[in-house]
Amino acid sequence: MNKVIISGRVVRDADVRYSQTVNGSMAVARYTLAVDRAFKKEGEQAADFINCIAFGKNGEFAEKYLHQGTKIIVEGRWQTGNYTNKDGQKVYTNDCVVERHEFCESRTNQKSNNNGIMGGNASSDSFMSIPDNVADEGLPFN
């Protein structure tokens, strides 16, 4: 069984593209979730950054509703892959293929949390450790 359920905040607005299929076009949304780690060193805040991909109606949902800082629960499956980059090196990928989204907070709570986070105030949902491969400009938290 391949089943993933994760909860976190959307790092930046979803990147949505439309792919042509025999039945018309299909939305393909890619976004990253910042997921707080349950176990961390004492006094340290840490997060994992999970790449998510949503197809079809889930992709359209992401385009319409998932914005920077939105707290959601994602249900899906884990998918690994690889490709060769332009330098000839093999790159391995890990993605959560989204089958379902759910909001974790009301719109009012989301707006008040985003204002506090963007204003530089520390909140209980903020994360401090950002891996080197994630650009930090525009992250919804400090």
Protein backbone atom coordinates (compact mmCIF):
# COMPACT_ATOMS: atom_id res chain seq x y z
CA MET A 1 0.00 0.00 0.00
CA ASN A 2 1.32 3.45 -0.94
CA LYS A 3 -0.59 6.08 1.10
CA VAL A 4 0.66 9.47 2.30
CA ILE A 5 -1.12 11.94 4.58
CA ILE A 6 0.74 15.16 5.39
CA SER A 7 -0.17 18.48 6.92
CA GLY A 8 1.70 21.71 6.37
CA ARG A 9 1.76 25.21 4.92
CA VAL A 10 2.07 26.01 1.23
CA VAL A 11 5.50 27.61 0.72
CA ARG A 12 4.53 29.63 -2.38
CA ASP A 13 1.55 29.81 -4.74
CA ALA A 14 1.13 26.68 -6.86
CA ASP A 15 2.82 26.62 -10.27
CA VAL A 16 0.03 25.48 -12.60
CA ARG A 17 0.42 24.49 -16.22
CA TYR A 18 -2.04 22.90 -18.59
CA SER A 19 -1.17 19.76 -20.49
CA GLN A 20 -2.99 18.74 -23.67
CA THR A 21 -4.71 15.35 -23.55
CA VAL A 22 -7.06 13.52 -25.91
CA ASN A 23 -9.97 14.83 -23.78
CA GLY A 24 -8.80 18.46 -23.80
CA SER A 25 -6.45 20.19 -21.39
CA MET A 26 -5.58 19.03 -17.88
CA ALA A 27 -4.23 21.15 -15.02
CA VAL A 28 -0.89 20.07 -13.52
CA ALA A 29 -0.08 21.94 -10.30
CA ARG A 30 3.22 21.77 -8.45
CA TYR A 31 3.78 23.23 -5.00
CA THR A 32 5.84 22.66 -1.88
CA LEU A 33 4.52 22.05 1.64
CA ALA A 34 6.52 22.98 4.73
CA VAL A 35 5.83 20.20 7.23
CA ASP A 36 6.91 20.59 10.84
CA ARG A 37 9.04 17.72 12.14
CA ALA A 38 7.62 15.84 15.11
CA PHE A 39 11.05 14.92 16.47
CA LYS A 40 13.79 17.52 16.59
CA LYS A 41 16.77 18.47 18.68
CA GLU A 42 15.98 20.28 21.90
CA GLY A 43 15.16 23.95 21.36
CA GLU A 44 15.43 23.65 17.57
CA GLN A 45 12.63 24.19 15.07
CA ALA A 46 12.81 22.13 11.89
CA ALA A 47 10.69 21.44 8.84
CA ASP A 48 10.68 19.14 5.86
CA PHE A 49 9.84 20.57 2.46
CA ILE A 50 7.67 18.15 0.50
CA ASN A 51 7.15 18.54 -3.25
CA CYS A 52 3.54 17.90 -4.28
CA ILE A 53 1.98 17.46 -7.70
CA ALA A 54 -1.75 17.55 -8.41
CA PHE A 55 -3.45 16.60 -11.68
CA GLY A 56 -6.84 17.46 -13.21
CA LYS A 57 -9.48 18.73 -10.78
CA ASN A 58 -6.96 18.62 -7.92
CA GLY A 59 -4.65 20.82 -9.99
CA GLU A 60 -7.49 23.28 -10.64
CA PHE A 61 -8.27 23.30 -6.91
CA ALA A 62 -4.63 24.10 -6.14
CA GLU A 63 -4.62 26.93 -8.68
CA LYS A 64 -7.77 28.49 -7.22
CA TYR A 65 -7.34 27.99 -3.48
CA LEU A 66 -3.74 27.16 -2.50
CA HIS A 67 -1.77 30.30 -1.82
CA GLN A 68 1.37 31.04 0.15
CA GLY A 69 0.83 30.27 3.84
CA THR A 70 -2.35 28.21 3.43
CA LYS A 71 -2.41 25.34 5.93
CA ILE A 72 -3.69 22.12 4.35
CA ILE A 73 -3.82 18.36 4.70
CA VAL A 74 -2.85 16.38 1.61
CA GLU A 75 -3.73 12.76 0.97
CA GLY A 76 -1.99 10.96 -1.85
CA ARG A 77 0.73 8.54 -2.81
CA TRP A 78 4.53 8.74 -2.82
CA GLN A 79 6.22 8.63 -6.22
CA THR A 80 9.92 8.47 -6.99
CA GLY A 81 11.51 9.16 -10.34
CA ASN A 82 14.67 10.30 -12.04
CA TYR A 83 15.91 12.24 -15.03
CA THR A 84 19.20 13.38 -16.51
CA ASN A 85 19.80 17.12 -16.19
CA LYS A 86 21.50 19.31 -18.81
CA ASP A 87 24.88 18.64 -17.15
CA GLY A 88 24.45 14.91 -17.77
CA GLN A 89 23.93 14.07 -14.08
CA LYS A 90 21.16 11.77 -12.93
CA VAL A 91 18.70 13.56 -10.62
CA TYR A 92 16.34 11.60 -8.36
CA THR A 93 12.92 13.01 -7.45
CA ASN A 94 10.43 12.33 -4.65
CA ASP A 95 6.91 13.74 -4.94
CA CYS A 96 3.58 13.36 -3.24
CA VAL A 97 0.99 12.80 -5.98
CA VAL A 98 -2.11 14.47 -4.53
CA GLU A 99 -5.40 12.61 -4.50
CA ARG A 100 -7.20 14.93 -2.06
CA HIS A 101 -6.75 18.32 -0.34
CA GLU A 102 -8.37 19.59 2.86
CA PHE A 103 -8.07 22.96 4.57
CA CYS A 104 -6.78 22.95 8.17
CA GLU A 105 -8.04 26.36 9.21
CA SER A 106 -10.77 28.84 8.41
CA ARG A 107 -10.14 31.77 6.09
CA THR A 108 -10.18 34.22 9.01
CA ASN A 109 -7.57 32.22 10.96
CA GLN A 110 -5.48 31.85 7.81
CA LYS A 111 -5.44 35.61 7.19
CA SER A 112 -4.57 36.45 10.80
CA ASN A 113 -1.79 33.81 10.87
CA ASN A 114 -0.34 35.02 7.57
CA ASN A 115 -0.32 38.64 8.77
CA GLY A 116 1.56 37.65 11.92
CA ILE A 117 4.00 35.48 10.02
CA MET A 118 4.67 38.00 7.27
CA GLY A 119 5.07 40.76 9.85
CA GLY A 120 8.00 38.93 11.43
CA ASN A 121 6.27 37.79 14.62
CA ALA A 122 7.03 34.25 15.67
CA SER A 123 3.97 32.00 15.77
CA SER A 124 3.53 28.43 16.94
CA ASP A 125 3.32 27.31 13.28
CA SER A 126 6.51 29.04 12.12
CA PHE A 127 9.54 27.05 10.99
CA MET A 128 13.15 28.12 11.31
CA SER A 129 15.34 25.63 9.39
CA ILE A 130 15.24 25.89 5.61
CA PRO A 131 17.28 23.47 3.49
CA ASP A 132 19.86 24.95 1.10
CA ASN A 133 17.96 23.84 -2.02
CA VAL A 134 14.83 25.91 -1.20
CA ALA A 135 14.85 29.61 -2.11
CA ASP A 136 13.89 31.59 0.98
CA GLU A 137 12.59 34.78 -0.59
CA GLY A 138 8.85 35.00 -0.17
CA LEU A 139 8.45 32.14 2.31
CA PRO A 140 5.30 32.53 4.41
CA PHE A 141 7.19 32.39 7.69
CA ASN A 142 10.45 33.47 9.32
